[in-house]
Protein backbone atom coordinates (compact mmCIF):
# COMPACT_ATOMS: atom_id res chain seq x y z
CA UNK A 1 14.29 14.91 39.95
CA UNK A 2 11.59 12.28 39.68
CA UNK A 3 11.89 9.67 36.96
CA UNK A 4 9.66 10.26 33.94
CA UNK A 5 7.39 7.34 33.03
CA UNK A 6 7.58 6.44 29.36
CA UNK A 7 4.65 7.70 27.30
CA UNK A 8 2.72 5.52 24.88
CA UNK A 9 3.48 5.33 21.17
CA UNK A 10 0.35 4.83 19.10
CA UNK A 11 0.92 3.32 15.65
CA UNK A 12 -2.14 4.54 13.78
CA UNK A 13 -3.26 3.38 10.35
CA UNK A 14 -4.33 6.38 8.27
CA UNK A 15 -5.80 4.30 5.46
CA UNK A 16 -5.19 5.00 1.77
CA UNK A 17 -6.16 8.68 1.81
CA UNK A 18 -9.88 9.34 2.30
CA UNK A 19 -10.33 10.76 5.83
CA UNK A 20 -13.85 9.32 6.02
CA UNK A 21 -12.31 5.85 6.06
CA UNK A 22 -10.44 6.49 9.33
CA UNK A 23 -11.54 4.60 12.42
CA UNK A 24 -13.20 6.63 15.17
CA UNK A 25 -10.23 5.88 17.43
CA UNK A 26 -7.76 7.12 14.82
CA UNK A 27 -9.65 10.41 14.47
CA UNK A 28 -9.65 10.91 18.24
CA UNK A 29 -5.93 10.26 18.54
CA UNK A 30 -5.09 12.57 15.65
CA UNK A 31 -7.23 15.41 16.99
CA UNK A 32 -5.85 15.12 20.53
CA UNK A 33 -2.20 14.53 19.62
CA UNK A 34 0.59 16.81 20.76
CA UNK A 35 3.06 15.13 18.40
CA UNK A 36 2.42 13.28 15.14
CA UNK A 37 5.23 11.54 13.26
CA UNK A 38 3.78 10.83 9.81
CA UNK A 39 4.57 9.18 6.50
CA UNK A 40 4.58 11.03 3.20
CA UNK A 41 1.58 9.06 1.95
CA UNK A 42 -0.70 10.41 4.69
CA UNK A 43 -3.02 12.81 2.89
CA UNK A 44 -3.21 16.52 3.68
CA UNK A 45 -6.93 16.10 4.45
CA UNK A 46 -6.07 13.68 7.25
CA UNK A 47 -3.24 15.83 8.64
CA UNK A 48 -5.70 18.75 8.68
CA UNK A 49 -7.66 16.92 11.39
CA UNK A 50 -4.85 17.62 13.87
CA UNK A 51 -5.48 20.37 16.38
CA UNK A 52 -3.55 23.67 16.66
CA UNK A 53 -1.52 22.20 19.53
CA UNK A 54 -0.11 19.41 17.35
CA UNK A 55 3.48 19.34 16.14
CA UNK A 56 3.81 17.49 12.80
CA UNK A 57 7.06 15.68 12.01
CA UNK A 58 7.39 14.22 8.50
CA UNK A 59 9.51 11.12 7.91
CA UNK A 60 8.46 10.77 4.28
CA UNK A 61 10.12 8.11 2.17
CA UNK A 62 10.44 7.95 -1.60
CA UNK A 63 11.90 5.32 -3.88
CA UNK A 64 15.69 5.20 -3.39
CA UNK A 65 15.61 8.26 -1.13
CA UNK A 66 14.70 8.25 2.57
CA UNK A 67 14.50 11.49 4.50
CA UNK A 68 15.09 9.39 7.61
CA UNK A 69 16.21 5.73 7.72
CA UNK A 70 13.87 3.31 9.50
CA UNK A 71 16.36 2.84 12.34
CA UNK A 72 16.35 6.59 12.93
CA UNK A 73 12.54 6.67 12.94
CA UNK A 74 12.52 3.89 15.54
CA UNK A 75 15.00 5.84 17.68
CA UNK A 76 12.97 9.04 17.31
CA UNK A 77 9.79 7.38 18.57
CA UNK A 78 11.61 5.84 21.51
CA UNK A 79 13.34 9.10 22.42
CA UNK A 80 10.09 11.07 22.51
CA UNK A 81 8.30 8.38 24.52
CA UNK A 82 11.12 8.03 27.07
CA UNK A 83 10.96 11.79 27.57
CA UNK A 84 7.30 11.41 28.53
CA UNK A 85 5.97 12.73 25.21
CA UNK A 86 3.05 10.70 23.79
CA UNK A 87 3.53 10.02 20.08
CA UNK A 88 1.06 9.28 17.33
CA UNK A 89 2.95 7.48 14.57
CA UNK A 90 0.64 8.01 11.61
CA UNK A 91 1.16 5.53 8.80
CA UNK A 92 -0.48 5.18 5.39
CA UNK A 93 -2.77 2.18 5.02
CA UNK A 94 -2.42 -0.32 7.85
CA UNK A 95 0.70 -0.33 10.06
CA UNK A 96 1.20 -4.08 9.68
CA UNK A 97 0.76 -4.40 5.90
CA UNK A 98 4.01 -3.20 4.31
CA UNK A 99 4.04 -0.38 6.86
CA UNK A 100 7.10 -1.58 8.85
CA UNK A 101 4.97 -1.30 11.94
CA UNK A 102 6.40 -4.55 13.24
CA UNK A 103 9.88 -3.03 13.36
CA UNK A 104 8.62 0.00 15.27
CA UNK A 105 6.75 -2.18 17.75
CA UNK A 106 9.91 -4.24 18.32
CA UNK A 107 11.95 -1.07 18.95
CA UNK A 108 9.43 0.24 21.47
CA UNK A 109 9.23 -3.08 23.31
CA UNK A 110 13.03 -3.34 23.49
CA UNK A 111 13.19 0.13 25.06
CA UNK A 112 10.41 -0.54 27.55
CA UNK A 113 8.05 1.89 25.83
CA UNK A 114 4.30 1.13 25.85
CA UNK A 115 2.97 0.78 22.31
CA UNK A 116 -0.51 0.36 20.88
CA UNK A 117 -1.51 -0.38 17.28
CA UNK A 118 -4.65 1.11 15.73
CA UNK A 119 -5.46 -0.68 12.47
CA UNK A 120 -6.29 1.15 9.28
CA UNK A 121 -7.88 0.21 5.98
CA UNK A 122 -5.09 -1.10 3.79
CA UNK A 123 -4.49 0.35 0.34
CA UNK A 124 -5.62 -2.91 -1.27
CA UNK A 125 -8.94 -2.98 0.59
CA UNK A 126 -9.68 0.71 0.07
CA UNK A 127 -8.68 0.95 -3.59
CA UNK A 128 -10.44 -2.29 -4.51
CA UNK A 129 -13.63 -1.09 -2.82
CA UNK A 130 -13.64 2.18 -4.76
CA UNK A 131 -13.02 0.32 -8.02
CA UNK A 132 -15.70 -2.24 -7.06
CA UNK A 133 -13.11 -4.94 -7.59
CA UNK A 134 -13.85 -7.96 -5.38
CA UNK A 135 -10.54 -9.42 -4.22
CA UNK A 136 -12.37 -12.69 -3.67
CA UNK A 137 -15.29 -13.92 -5.74
CA UNK A 138 -17.06 -17.25 -5.59
CA UNK A 139 -16.67 -17.71 -9.35
CA UNK A 140 -13.18 -16.27 -9.74
CA UNK A 141 -10.99 -16.36 -6.62
CA UNK A 142 -10.88 -18.02 -3.21
CA UNK A 143 -7.39 -16.88 -2.19
CA UNK A 144 -5.61 -13.52 -1.99
CA UNK A 145 -1.89 -12.83 -1.61
CA UNK A 146 -0.15 -9.50 -0.94
CA UNK A 147 3.44 -9.01 -2.14
CA UNK A 148 5.85 -6.09 -2.42
CA UNK A 149 7.05 -5.37 -5.94
CA UNK A 150 9.78 -2.93 -4.93
CA UNK A 151 12.48 -4.80 -3.11
CA UNK A 152 15.88 -6.33 -3.63
CA UNK A 153 16.13 -9.71 -5.28
CA UNK A 154 12.73 -9.54 -6.97
CA UNK A 155 13.70 -12.12 -9.59
CA UNK A 156 14.79 -14.57 -6.89
CA UNK A 157 11.56 -14.44 -4.88
CA UNK A 158 9.29 -17.44 -5.08
CA UNK A 159 5.83 -16.32 -6.17
CA UNK A 160 4.91 -19.79 -7.41
CA UNK A 161 1.20 -20.43 -7.02
CA UNK A 162 0.31 -16.88 -5.95
CA UNK A 163 -1.36 -15.92 -9.24
CA UNK A 164 -3.48 -17.81 -11.73
CA UNK A 165 -6.84 -19.53 -11.86
CA UNK A 166 -8.84 -19.10 -8.67
CA UNK A 167 -6.29 -16.77 -7.07
CA UNK A 168 -5.76 -13.03 -6.69
CA UNK A 169 -2.34 -11.42 -6.40
CA UNK A 170 -2.11 -7.85 -5.09
CA UNK A 171 1.22 -6.14 -5.67
CA UNK A 172 2.17 -3.09 -3.61
CA UNK A 173 4.93 -0.71 -4.76
CA UNK A 174 5.13 -2.33 -8.18
CA UNK A 175 4.89 0.59 -10.61
CA UNK A 176 8.63 0.98 -11.17
CA UNK A 177 9.13 -2.76 -11.68
CA UNK A 178 5.87 -3.52 -13.52
CA UNK A 179 7.57 -4.90 -16.63
CA UNK A 180 9.83 -7.15 -14.55
CA UNK A 181 6.82 -8.34 -12.53
CA UNK A 182 4.94 -9.29 -15.69
CA UNK A 183 7.96 -11.15 -17.07
CA UNK A 184 8.44 -12.96 -13.76
CA UNK A 185 4.82 -14.11 -13.54
CA UNK A 186 4.69 -15.23 -17.17
CA UNK A 187 7.96 -17.13 -16.74
CA UNK A 188 6.40 -18.84 -13.72
CA UNK A 189 3.53 -20.06 -15.86
CA UNK A 190 0.83 -17.40 -15.39
CA UNK A 191 -1.13 -16.80 -18.60
CA UNK A 192 -0.05 -13.60 -20.43
CA UNK A 193 -3.76 -12.98 -21.06
CA UNK A 194 -4.89 -12.98 -17.42
CA UNK A 195 -6.68 -9.70 -16.53
CA UNK A 196 -4.72 -7.11 -14.58
CA UNK A 197 -6.03 -3.95 -12.91
CA UNK A 198 -3.89 -1.01 -11.86
CA UNK A 199 -5.43 1.16 -9.14
CA UNK A 200 -3.75 4.56 -8.84
CA UNK A 201 -4.35 6.96 -5.92
CA UNK A 202 -6.90 4.65 -4.33
CA UNK A 203 -9.86 6.27 -2.47
CA UNK A 204 -8.74 9.78 -3.44
CA UNK A 205 -10.54 12.19 -5.76
CA UNK A 206 -7.97 11.60 -8.52
CA UNK A 207 -8.12 7.80 -8.43
CA UNK A 208 -7.67 5.98 -11.75
CA UNK A 209 -8.61 2.37 -12.43
CA UNK A 210 -7.03 0.82 -15.51
CA UNK A 211 -7.36 -2.71 -16.84
CA UNK A 212 -5.25 -4.64 -19.34
CA UNK A 213 -3.64 -8.04 -19.87
CA UNK A 214 -0.61 -9.23 -17.94
CA UNK A 215 1.51 -9.20 -21.11
CA UNK A 216 0.72 -5.49 -21.56
CA UNK A 217 1.31 -4.46 -17.94
CA UNK A 218 4.75 -2.91 -18.29
CA UNK A 219 3.92 -1.09 -21.53
CA UNK A 220 0.59 0.13 -20.14
CA UNK A 221 2.20 1.64 -17.04
CA UNK A 222 4.51 3.64 -19.30
CA UNK A 223 1.84 4.46 -21.89
CA UNK A 224 -0.68 5.70 -19.30
CA UNK A 225 2.01 7.42 -17.18
CA UNK A 226 0.95 5.59 -14.04
CA UNK A 227 2.47 7.09 -10.89
CA UNK A 228 2.78 5.86 -7.33
CA UNK A 229 0.93 5.21 -5.14
CA UNK A 230 -0.65 2.48 -7.22
CA UNK A 231 -1.56 -1.17 -6.76
CA UNK A 232 -1.45 -3.96 -9.31
CA UNK A 233 -4.15 -6.64 -9.04
CA UNK A 234 -3.56 -9.81 -11.06
CA UNK A 235 -6.39 -12.29 -11.50
CA UNK A 236 -9.77 -12.93 -13.05
CA UNK A 237 -11.37 -10.70 -10.40
CA UNK A 238 -9.91 -7.72 -12.29
CA UNK A 239 -12.52 -8.32 -14.96
CA UNK A 240 -15.20 -7.30 -12.43
CA UNK A 241 -13.68 -3.88 -11.67
CA UNK A 242 -15.04 -0.53 -12.74
CA UNK A 243 -11.98 0.32 -14.81
CA UNK A 244 -10.93 1.94 -18.05
CA UNK A 245 -10.28 -1.05 -20.30
CA UNK A 246 -7.18 -0.49 -22.43
CA UNK A 247 -7.28 -3.89 -24.10
CA UNK A 248 -8.28 -2.17 -27.35
CA UNK A 249 -4.67 -1.01 -27.59
CA UNK A 250 -3.75 -4.60 -28.43
CA UNK A 251 -5.97 -4.51 -31.49
CA UNK A 252 -4.44 -1.21 -32.57
CA UNK A 253 -1.00 -2.85 -32.39
CA UNK A 254 -2.20 -5.85 -34.38
CA UNK A 255 -1.72 -8.23 -31.50
CA UNK A 256 -3.71 -11.48 -31.49
CA UNK A 257 -5.24 -11.76 -28.03
CA UNK A 258 -6.77 -15.15 -28.72
CA UNK A 259 -3.32 -16.63 -29.31
CA UNK A 260 -2.11 -15.21 -26.00
CA UNK A 261 -4.82 -17.08 -24.12
CA UNK A 262 -3.35 -20.45 -25.07
């Protein structure tokens, strides 16, 4: 029996949800795929682009509960490819921005499996565009940082200098730890009155854009029942967003915003 040449694994960025934001290459690979291994955040509209010949395998992950550990996903991709089965690994956003695409590339390389990465629009880029929130602005920010808000040892991470005047901080997976994030940034010297935008369900029909102050972030997430997927954008650029401004809630509580700015 002749040896089977390993097939290629394509790591494809599906973007934040709107199928019209897919690259042309991503659409072609999805439509022609025989096997798609996809994340839970890949929208139904994007999965609907797959042809009738396509087998869909979900490896959805949720906070504190993984249907399949990352090591098992790596092994699954390698197993299919070594059997000569081309795989489209469809990932929300961009594979290399909090998508663990680097780990999957490493696993394929170690097994001698050809791998190709097709970039996608990251959640930050897509959601900010829909909210008309410029992540950089000549008058407000010349630097952008991306961090993960849902990870072990959050309090011990060094975010010094990532937020504040002239800088934008974009926090992925931060809804559940929003109050801790606000406390951490304020303790590190960021003004409690710096604008913050929360972008929920970016690029989708049910997207919400909310704006408040850093000191109100944790309470606002609870008060407005913000759900994942959502991004937190900290910085003066948030003031430029098309967003529902909930700062009036401070006045209703009798808070003195002017004192917080000091």
